[in-house]
Structures are given as C-alpha cells and as structure tokens.
Amino acid sequence: MAFDEKLAERIRAKLAKRKGMTEKKMFGGIGFLLNGNMCCGVHKTDLIVRVDTETTDEALKRPHARVFDLTGRPMKGWILVEPAGVKTDDSLATWVSLAVGYVSTLTAK
C-alpha cells in the first residue's frame, strides 16, 4: 500500500464541491491542491495538513498531530495527523477545513 486510499476518498468527498481543487501524486502518496497550492494529502496512513506557519505550534497541540518530517528537516506549516486523529468524519472535516482556510488565502499558482 503506497497510501491509504480510503482516507484519500474521504478527503475527496470533503473537497468535492470546492472549485480549484486538483490531485497530484507526491510524497509517495497523494496531494490535494487548491488553486495550485498544496492543501492536504495522504502519506502512508497519515493525513498531511498545511497550516499557517504562525499557527503550526498551536495545531501541533491537538491529539495525534506531529510535525511533517520525512527527511530529518521538519517543515514548519506542515503537519501529519495519525489515523486516530481523523477517525470520525467530523475530525477529518476539522483538519481539512483548517488547511483549506489557510491555503485559500494564498496566491494562486
């Protein structure tokens, strides 16, 4: 399994009506881009969430969240959420909404 397809499908359902969304294979998983900017995605079994760098530390206080670090160089503004943190539709929606809220403020690529 390269990445959790069921989680990717759940994310697609949350983003289905949003204009400007595309998908791209990346990080050995899948990324969901809003107007060309990475918004969220799936890496193995974890949800990838993009957040404002100024609110990263606050988001990391949430249960099951950790810094996105695949190479030994943590990326501020990027978070991985373990499966337990997106077990319910409401918890997934909260994380996806956080990412969309931030990325929608960025200039389109």
Protein backbone atom coordinates (compact mmCIF):
# COMPACT_ATOMS: atom_id res chain seq x y z
CA MET A 1 0.00 0.00 0.00
CA ALA A 2 1.55 3.27 -1.11
CA PHE A 3 -1.03 5.34 0.79
CA ASP A 4 -4.42 4.94 2.45
CA GLU A 5 -6.87 5.06 -0.46
CA LYS A 6 -9.86 5.11 1.89
CA LEU A 7 -8.56 8.24 3.59
CA ALA A 8 -7.94 9.82 0.18
CA GLU A 9 -11.53 9.04 -0.81
CA ARG A 10 -12.83 10.60 2.40
CA ILE A 11 -10.84 13.75 1.67
CA ARG A 12 -12.16 13.82 -1.92
CA ALA A 13 -15.70 13.71 -0.54
CA LYS A 14 -14.96 16.70 1.72
CA LEU A 15 -13.46 18.69 -1.18
CA ALA A 16 -15.77 17.56 -3.99
CA LYS A 17 -17.72 20.80 -4.36
CA ARG A 18 -14.75 23.15 -3.97
CA LYS A 19 -13.61 24.85 -7.18
CA GLY A 20 -9.92 24.92 -7.98
CA MET A 21 -9.10 21.52 -6.42
CA THR A 22 -6.75 19.12 -8.18
CA GLU A 23 -4.91 15.97 -7.16
CA LYS A 24 -1.26 15.14 -7.65
CA LYS A 25 0.87 12.18 -6.65
CA MET A 26 3.59 13.36 -4.27
CA PHE A 27 5.48 12.34 -1.12
CA GLY A 28 4.83 8.72 -2.08
CA GLY A 29 1.15 9.48 -1.59
CA ILE A 30 -1.37 11.95 -2.92
CA GLY A 31 -1.75 15.68 -2.51
CA PHE A 32 -4.84 17.81 -2.90
CA LEU A 33 -4.09 21.25 -4.29
CA LEU A 34 -6.27 24.33 -4.10
CA ASN A 35 -5.56 26.77 -6.93
CA GLY A 36 -2.18 25.10 -7.39
CA ASN A 37 -1.14 25.25 -3.72
CA MET A 38 -0.79 22.06 -1.70
CA CYS A 39 -3.60 21.97 0.85
CA CYS A 40 -3.73 18.48 2.31
CA GLY A 41 -2.98 14.94 1.34
CA VAL A 42 -2.18 11.42 2.41
CA HIS A 43 1.24 9.98 3.25
CA LYS A 44 1.03 6.27 4.02
CA THR A 45 -1.78 6.21 6.61
CA ASP A 46 -1.42 9.81 7.80
CA LEU A 47 -3.25 12.95 6.78
CA ILE A 48 -0.98 15.78 5.61
CA VAL A 49 -2.30 19.23 6.56
CA ARG A 50 -0.92 22.60 5.54
CA VAL A 51 -1.38 25.37 8.10
CA ASP A 52 -0.18 28.92 8.62
CA THR A 53 3.41 28.85 9.92
CA GLU A 54 2.33 31.18 12.71
CA THR A 55 -0.27 28.70 13.96
CA THR A 56 1.73 25.49 13.49
CA ASP A 57 2.66 25.19 17.16
CA GLU A 58 -0.97 25.59 18.23
CA ALA A 59 -2.15 22.97 15.73
CA LEU A 60 0.53 20.57 16.97
CA LYS A 61 -1.07 20.63 20.42
CA ARG A 62 -4.06 18.73 19.03
CA PRO A 63 -4.17 14.99 19.67
CA HIS A 64 -2.44 12.72 17.13
CA ALA A 65 -0.67 15.60 15.33
CA ARG A 66 3.06 15.82 14.68
CA VAL A 67 5.47 17.78 12.53
CA PHE A 68 5.73 16.74 8.89
CA ASP A 69 9.30 15.44 8.66
CA LEU A 70 10.19 12.84 6.06
CA THR A 71 13.85 13.78 5.59
CA GLY A 72 15.11 14.89 9.00
CA ARG A 73 14.25 18.50 8.19
CA PRO A 74 10.91 19.41 9.79
CA MET A 75 8.67 21.57 7.65
CA LYS A 76 7.01 24.42 9.57
CA GLY A 77 3.46 24.88 8.38
CA TRP A 78 3.01 21.19 7.59
CA ILE A 79 1.52 18.61 9.95
CA LEU A 80 0.91 14.87 9.86
CA VAL A 81 -2.18 13.57 11.63
CA GLU A 82 -2.25 9.90 12.63
CA PRO A 83 -5.27 7.78 11.66
CA ALA A 84 -6.73 8.06 15.18
CA GLY A 85 -6.90 11.84 14.69
CA VAL A 86 -9.15 11.55 11.63
CA LYS A 87 -11.19 8.56 12.66
CA THR A 88 -14.52 10.39 12.52
CA ASP A 89 -15.91 12.48 9.67
CA ASP A 90 -16.06 15.48 11.99
CA SER A 91 -12.39 15.21 12.96
CA LEU A 92 -11.36 14.86 9.32
CA ALA A 93 -13.55 17.81 8.36
CA THR A 94 -11.94 19.95 11.06
CA TRP A 95 -8.43 19.29 9.74
CA VAL A 96 -9.39 19.68 6.08
CA SER A 97 -11.22 22.94 6.87
CA LEU A 98 -8.15 24.24 8.67
CA ALA A 99 -5.99 23.52 5.63
CA VAL A 100 -8.49 24.96 3.13
CA GLY A 101 -8.92 28.06 5.27
CA TYR A 102 -5.21 28.77 5.19
CA VAL A 103 -4.47 27.79 1.61
CA SER A 104 -7.40 29.83 0.30
CA THR A 105 -5.50 32.94 1.49
CA LEU A 106 -2.50 32.14 -0.73
CA THR A 107 -1.95 33.50 -4.23
CA ALA A 108 -2.98 31.00 -6.90
CA LYS A 109 -0.17 29.32 -8.82
